[in-house]
Amino acid sequence: MTIKTIGMISSYRSLENRTDWLWQQTPHAFGIWNNIQLQALAEKPDYLVMYQFDFPKSQKQQQSWLKRFSKRQKQSELNITSLLRSVPKKRVIYLLREPPLEEIIEINKYNYQQAQQYCGYISGADDFAPNPDYMPAIWYHSNSFQELNEMPPPKKVAPCSWITSGINRTANHRQRLEFLYSLQASEIQFDLYGRGLPARAKTLGELGNKWYGMAPYYYNLAIENYSSNNWYVSEKLWDALLAWCLPIYYGGSAADKLLPAGSFLRLPSLDEKGIAYIKEVTASPDAWYAAKEAIQEARQIILHELNLINWLSKFVANNL
């Protein structure tokens, strides 16, 4: 079997110059999964993933974009075509990961429009994407694939955690922060971790590894910043389940299509009703014990089926 290499470019700054992109999501060395090998920085990959790549729109954005990617080529020579590394259009994959929040819908639509010039397949978790679909799973635990695949439930010693950020640039983000404040005021026992949270939030601080803020807990609050369509679901759910938490999930209906019944709980709303629900569930570990088999099944689905690397492997098999 011939292994095809998959390159990657992204507008996420944390992924710039990341040779080992997603290597933790495969049991094999150097990013190999079945018929593919992830080599994000490969000079001449067989396929290329544009992963949440934001096309520059204004002159100012163009200058910023040129500066960011100037490490590979001289700015005077740099353009989007050069970033594609001679990969044919039919083998360029555009995956837009950010949700269609009202404040960025026009940006998302612009990205789709531009991607049609360069990409053979374009997808995103919204109805106006050329190929509407859920975003295949990525996760943010540093554990090896083998460890996640084979481990029994870790010892649970605390009721509930929430890992979130203090981002407040959209109405949805602000609603989530207001719910956080209300939840803390209710004196329900949960541990809060995250970055950039305002002083008003009583946080235990940032985590270098999300595992430590999830694995010891029975429950995890997995609250999306978007819940208004049938496509969007993020790593918040995957991370919680892979740490053997029972997620108390607030999001759209995509999760119901992708995961077995009983593997997560539905938070009804971000208000007093939701707070009452969290209080009732987290008062005892009974719901976690009842869901343990469903959590185990969901973990295997995430690792082996929903895994973005598995998605890429199938895409390559169907588009040789």
Protein backbone atom coordinates (compact mmCIF):
# COMPACT_ATOMS: atom_id res chain seq x y z
CA MET A 1 0.00 0.00 0.00
CA THR A 2 1.33 3.40 -0.98
CA ILE A 3 1.25 5.95 1.82
CA LYS A 4 0.05 9.41 0.77
CA THR A 5 1.38 12.44 2.63
CA ILE A 6 -1.01 15.09 3.97
CA GLY A 7 0.27 18.63 4.40
CA MET A 8 -1.52 21.36 6.34
CA ILE A 9 -1.79 25.13 6.58
CA SER A 10 -3.88 27.02 9.10
CA SER A 11 -4.55 30.51 10.40
CA TYR A 12 -4.37 29.19 13.96
CA ARG A 13 -1.12 30.60 15.25
CA SER A 14 -0.59 27.62 17.56
CA LEU A 15 -0.32 25.37 14.50
CA GLU A 16 2.31 27.38 12.65
CA ASN A 17 5.44 25.27 12.09
CA ARG A 18 3.86 22.29 13.90
CA THR A 19 5.48 19.20 12.40
CA ASP A 20 3.60 16.81 14.69
CA TRP A 21 0.08 18.07 13.95
CA LEU A 22 -2.39 15.40 15.18
CA TRP A 23 0.29 12.76 15.65
CA GLN A 24 -1.18 12.02 19.09
CA GLN A 25 -4.36 10.86 17.32
CA THR A 26 -2.83 7.77 15.75
CA PRO A 27 -1.26 4.65 17.29
CA HIS A 28 1.56 4.74 14.75
CA ALA A 29 4.73 6.81 14.70
CA PHE A 30 5.07 9.99 12.65
CA GLY A 31 1.37 10.51 11.95
CA ILE A 32 0.64 7.33 9.98
CA TRP A 33 -2.96 6.05 9.79
CA ASN A 34 -3.81 3.34 7.27
CA ASN A 35 -3.04 4.84 3.84
CA ILE A 36 -1.89 8.32 4.91
CA GLN A 37 0.85 10.09 6.82
CA LEU A 38 0.35 13.54 8.31
CA GLN A 39 3.34 15.70 7.48
CA ALA A 40 2.01 19.22 8.01
CA LEU A 41 5.16 20.95 6.75
CA ALA A 42 5.97 18.58 3.88
CA GLU A 43 7.37 20.51 0.91
CA LYS A 44 5.57 18.37 -1.68
CA PRO A 45 2.62 16.59 -0.04
CA ASP A 46 0.18 14.48 -2.01
CA TYR A 47 -2.80 16.24 -0.39
CA LEU A 48 -3.14 19.50 1.50
CA VAL A 49 -5.57 20.46 4.28
CA MET A 50 -6.44 24.13 4.66
CA TYR A 51 -7.57 23.87 8.28
CA GLN A 52 -9.47 27.00 9.35
CA PHE A 53 -7.45 29.06 6.90
CA ASP A 54 -8.70 32.64 6.77
CA PHE A 55 -8.15 34.24 3.39
CA PRO A 56 -6.93 37.85 3.65
CA LYS A 57 -9.57 40.39 2.72
CA SER A 58 -8.29 43.91 3.28
CA GLN A 59 -4.91 45.41 2.44
CA LYS A 60 -4.06 45.45 6.13
CA GLN A 61 -4.96 41.79 6.50
CA GLN A 62 -2.96 41.01 3.38
CA GLN A 63 0.14 42.61 4.88
CA SER A 64 -0.33 40.78 8.17
CA TRP A 65 -0.90 37.51 6.35
CA LEU A 66 2.26 37.98 4.25
CA LYS A 67 4.29 38.68 7.36
CA ARG A 68 3.04 35.57 9.15
CA PHE A 69 3.85 33.19 6.31
CA SER A 70 7.07 34.88 5.20
CA LYS A 71 9.22 32.22 6.88
CA ARG A 72 8.69 29.90 3.94
CA GLN A 73 9.32 32.34 1.10
CA LYS A 74 10.24 35.93 0.45
CA GLN A 75 7.26 38.21 0.91
CA SER A 76 7.54 39.49 -2.63
CA GLU A 77 7.08 35.99 -3.97
CA LEU A 78 4.44 34.81 -1.56
CA ASN A 79 0.83 34.20 -2.58
CA ILE A 80 -1.81 31.62 -1.83
CA THR A 81 -0.84 29.49 -4.81
CA SER A 82 2.67 29.11 -3.42
CA LEU A 83 1.27 27.98 -0.06
CA LEU A 84 -0.50 25.13 -1.84
CA ARG A 85 2.91 23.56 -2.60
CA SER A 86 1.92 22.44 -6.12
CA VAL A 87 -0.86 20.19 -4.82
CA PRO A 88 -3.57 19.87 -7.52
CA LYS A 89 -6.86 21.59 -6.74
CA LYS A 90 -8.78 18.31 -6.50
CA ARG A 91 -6.46 17.23 -3.68
CA VAL A 92 -6.75 20.40 -1.61
CA ILE A 93 -9.23 20.11 1.28
CA TYR A 94 -10.72 23.14 2.98
CA LEU A 95 -12.14 22.53 6.47
CA LEU A 96 -13.63 25.51 8.28
CA ARG A 97 -13.76 24.79 11.98
CA GLU A 98 -15.20 27.95 13.53
CA PRO A 99 -18.99 28.03 14.08
CA PRO A 100 -21.27 30.38 12.12
CA LEU A 101 -21.70 32.93 14.88
CA GLU A 102 -23.66 35.96 13.76
CA GLU A 103 -20.61 38.19 14.14
CA ILE A 104 -18.48 36.11 11.74
CA ILE A 105 -20.96 34.67 9.24
CA GLU A 106 -19.79 37.03 6.51
CA ILE A 107 -16.16 36.07 7.18
CA ASN A 108 -17.06 32.39 6.87
CA LYS A 109 -18.93 32.98 3.63
CA TYR A 110 -16.00 34.94 2.24
CA ASN A 111 -13.63 32.09 3.12
CA TYR A 112 -15.85 29.59 1.31
CA GLN A 113 -16.00 31.84 -1.73
CA GLN A 114 -12.24 32.20 -1.89
CA ALA A 115 -11.63 28.51 -1.23
CA GLN A 116 -13.54 27.59 -4.37
CA GLN A 117 -10.66 28.98 -6.41
CA TYR A 118 -8.11 26.65 -4.87
CA CYS A 119 -9.81 23.64 -3.26
CA GLY A 120 -11.51 20.55 -4.59
CA TYR A 121 -13.43 19.87 -1.38
CA ILE A 122 -14.81 22.56 0.94
CA SER A 123 -16.68 21.83 4.16
CA GLY A 124 -17.84 23.46 7.35
CA ALA A 125 -20.35 22.97 10.13
CA ASP A 126 -23.01 25.27 8.72
CA ASP A 127 -25.81 25.10 6.17
CA PHE A 128 -24.22 27.54 3.71
CA ALA A 129 -20.97 25.58 3.35
CA PRO A 130 -20.47 23.96 -0.08
CA ASN A 131 -20.47 20.61 1.78
CA PRO A 132 -22.23 21.02 5.15
CA ASP A 133 -20.87 18.49 7.61
CA TYR A 134 -19.71 18.08 11.18
CA MET A 135 -16.05 18.77 11.88
CA PRO A 136 -14.28 15.42 12.39
CA ALA A 137 -12.88 14.98 15.88
CA ILE A 138 -9.70 16.48 17.22
CA TRP A 139 -8.84 16.42 20.91
CA TYR A 140 -6.51 18.24 23.24
CA HIS A 141 -5.20 15.57 25.60
CA SER A 142 -1.51 14.77 25.36
CA ASN A 143 -2.04 11.09 26.20
CA SER A 144 -0.96 8.62 23.54
CA PHE A 145 -3.59 7.01 21.32
CA GLN A 146 -2.80 3.61 22.84
CA GLU A 147 -3.30 4.92 26.35
CA LEU A 148 -6.67 6.50 25.54
CA ASN A 149 -7.75 3.41 23.62
CA GLU A 150 -6.91 0.88 26.33
CA MET A 151 -7.30 2.69 29.63
CA PRO A 152 -9.98 1.88 32.18
CA PRO A 153 -11.74 4.80 33.85
CA PRO A 154 -9.29 6.86 35.92
CA LYS A 155 -10.01 7.30 39.61
CA LYS A 156 -12.78 9.85 40.07
CA VAL A 157 -12.44 11.99 43.20
CA ALA A 158 -14.37 15.22 42.51
CA PRO A 159 -17.86 15.99 41.21
CA CYS A 160 -17.58 18.44 38.32
CA SER A 161 -15.23 20.68 36.35
CA TRP A 162 -15.53 23.33 33.66
CA ILE A 163 -12.68 24.39 31.40
CA THR A 164 -13.45 27.54 29.46
CA SER A 165 -12.01 30.89 28.44
CA GLY A 166 -12.79 34.52 29.08
CA ILE A 167 -13.43 35.33 25.41
CA ASN A 168 -16.30 37.82 25.19
CA ARG A 169 -16.18 39.08 21.62
CA THR A 170 -19.58 37.72 20.60
CA ALA A 171 -23.03 37.67 22.18
CA ASN A 172 -22.81 33.88 22.59
CA HIS A 173 -19.51 34.14 24.45
CA ARG A 174 -20.96 36.80 26.73
CA GLN A 175 -24.01 34.64 27.44
CA ARG A 176 -21.73 31.80 28.49
CA LEU A 177 -19.80 34.08 30.84
CA GLU A 178 -23.00 35.33 32.43
CA PHE A 179 -24.08 31.73 33.00
CA LEU A 180 -20.71 31.05 34.61
CA TYR A 181 -21.21 33.92 37.06
CA SER A 182 -24.72 32.71 37.90
CA LEU A 183 -23.50 29.16 38.40
CA GLN A 184 -20.78 30.30 40.79
CA ALA A 185 -23.25 32.44 42.69
CA SER A 186 -25.44 29.36 43.19
CA GLU A 187 -22.62 27.75 45.21
CA ILE A 188 -22.87 24.49 43.29
CA GLN A 189 -19.59 22.63 43.77
CA PHE A 190 -17.53 22.65 40.58
CA ASP A 191 -13.92 23.52 39.73
CA LEU A 192 -13.28 26.17 37.09
CA TYR A 193 -10.16 26.25 34.95
CA GLY A 194 -9.29 28.41 31.96
CA ARG A 195 -7.35 31.20 30.35
CA GLY A 196 -8.19 34.85 30.12
CA LEU A 197 -11.04 34.61 32.60
CA PRO A 198 -11.99 37.88 34.28
CA ALA A 199 -11.13 38.52 37.92
CA ARG A 200 -14.81 38.12 38.77
CA ALA A 201 -14.58 34.42 37.95
CA LYS A 202 -13.19 32.29 40.76
CA THR A 203 -10.82 30.16 38.76
CA LEU A 204 -8.15 27.65 39.72
CA GLY A 205 -6.04 28.95 36.82
CA GLU A 206 -4.91 27.74 33.42
CA LEU A 207 -4.04 24.15 32.56
CA GLY A 208 -1.06 23.01 30.54
CA ASN A 209 -2.89 19.73 29.94
CA LYS A 210 -6.70 19.50 29.96
CA TRP A 211 -6.45 15.94 31.21
CA TYR A 212 -5.72 17.11 34.74
CA GLY A 213 -8.85 19.22 34.80
CA MET A 214 -11.08 16.40 33.56
CA ALA A 215 -9.85 12.92 34.44
CA PRO A 216 -10.42 13.18 38.23
CA TYR A 217 -14.01 14.40 37.80
CA TYR A 218 -17.25 12.49 37.31
CA TYR A 219 -18.85 15.30 35.30
CA ASN A 220 -17.63 18.01 32.98
CA LEU A 221 -19.55 21.04 31.76
CA ALA A 222 -19.13 21.04 27.98
CA ILE A 223 -20.80 24.25 26.85
CA GLU A 224 -20.48 25.27 23.22
CA ASN A 225 -20.44 28.89 22.14
CA TYR A 226 -22.84 27.94 19.33
CA SER A 227 -25.86 25.63 19.44
CA SER A 228 -28.16 26.75 16.64
CA ASN A 229 -27.68 24.23 13.83
CA ASN A 230 -27.46 20.50 13.18
CA TRP A 231 -23.73 20.40 12.34
CA TYR A 232 -21.59 22.09 14.95
CA VAL A 233 -19.95 20.10 17.73
CA SER A 234 -16.46 20.76 19.05
CA GLU A 235 -13.63 19.19 21.04
CA LYS A 236 -15.38 20.18 24.27
CA LEU A 237 -17.42 17.00 24.01
CA TRP A 238 -14.62 14.74 22.75
CA ASP A 239 -12.18 15.88 25.45
CA ALA A 240 -14.66 15.23 28.24
CA LEU A 241 -15.56 11.75 27.05
CA LEU A 242 -11.97 10.71 26.38
CA ALA A 243 -11.22 11.64 30.01
CA TRP A 244 -14.06 9.33 31.07
CA CYS A 245 -16.24 12.22 32.23
CA LEU A 246 -19.98 12.26 31.72
CA PRO A 247 -20.43 15.55 29.85
CA ILE A 248 -23.23 17.88 30.79
CA TYR A 249 -23.52 19.24 27.29
CA TYR A 250 -25.01 22.41 25.86
CA GLY A 251 -24.91 22.45 22.08
CA GLY A 252 -26.69 21.59 18.85
CA SER A 253 -28.14 18.29 17.69
CA ALA A 254 -25.02 17.03 15.87
CA ALA A 255 -23.88 15.22 19.00
CA ASP A 256 -27.06 13.13 19.04
CA LYS A 257 -26.30 11.88 15.52
CA LEU A 258 -22.67 11.04 16.25
CA LEU A 259 -22.66 9.49 19.73
CA PRO A 260 -24.64 6.71 21.43
CA ALA A 261 -27.62 7.59 23.57
CA GLY A 262 -26.76 8.06 27.21
CA SER A 263 -23.10 8.95 26.66
CA PHE A 264 -23.76 12.60 27.58
CA LEU A 265 -26.42 14.61 29.35
CA ARG A 266 -28.27 17.56 27.82
CA LEU A 267 -28.07 20.84 29.70
CA PRO A 268 -31.54 22.28 29.01
CA SER A 269 -30.65 25.97 29.05
CA LEU A 270 -28.21 28.61 30.25
CA ASP A 271 -30.44 29.98 32.99
CA GLU A 272 -31.93 29.01 36.35
CA LYS A 273 -33.38 25.84 34.87
CA GLY A 274 -29.91 24.80 33.70
CA ILE A 275 -28.42 25.58 37.10
CA ALA A 276 -31.05 23.47 38.83
CA TYR A 277 -30.27 20.59 36.44
CA ILE A 278 -26.53 20.76 37.16
CA LYS A 279 -27.21 20.85 40.90
CA GLU A 280 -29.40 17.76 40.71
CA VAL A 281 -27.02 15.72 38.54
CA THR A 282 -23.77 16.57 40.31
CA ALA A 283 -25.18 15.90 43.78
CA SER A 284 -24.17 12.25 43.36
CA PRO A 285 -22.10 10.10 40.95
CA ASP A 286 -25.11 7.91 40.13
CA ALA A 287 -25.59 9.28 36.61
CA TRP A 288 -21.91 8.65 35.82
CA TYR A 289 -22.12 5.02 36.92
CA ALA A 290 -25.30 4.56 34.88
CA ALA A 291 -23.59 6.01 31.79
CA LYS A 292 -20.25 4.21 32.08
CA GLU A 293 -20.88 1.67 29.32
CA ALA A 294 -22.21 4.36 26.96
CA ILE A 295 -19.15 6.51 27.70
CA GLN A 296 -16.90 3.56 26.85
CA GLU A 297 -18.71 3.06 23.53
CA ALA A 298 -18.55 6.78 22.73
CA ARG A 299 -14.80 6.86 23.40
CA GLN A 300 -14.21 4.13 20.83
CA ILE A 301 -16.34 5.95 18.26
CA ILE A 302 -14.36 9.16 18.81
CA LEU A 303 -10.97 7.45 18.64
CA HIS A 304 -11.61 5.21 15.64
CA GLU A 305 -14.46 6.68 13.58
CA LEU A 306 -14.89 10.41 14.22
CA ASN A 307 -11.13 10.97 14.37
CA LEU A 308 -10.08 13.58 11.80
CA ILE A 309 -7.20 11.36 10.70
CA ASN A 310 -9.64 8.55 9.92
CA TRP A 311 -11.76 11.05 7.96
CA LEU A 312 -8.70 12.09 5.94
CA SER A 313 -7.78 8.46 5.31
CA LYS A 314 -11.23 7.77 3.87
CA PHE A 315 -11.12 10.94 1.81
CA VAL A 316 -7.83 9.87 0.23
CA ALA A 317 -9.11 6.35 -0.43
CA ASN A 318 -12.08 7.84 -2.33
CA ASN A 319 -10.09 10.51 -4.19
CA LEU A 320 -6.94 8.84 -5.49
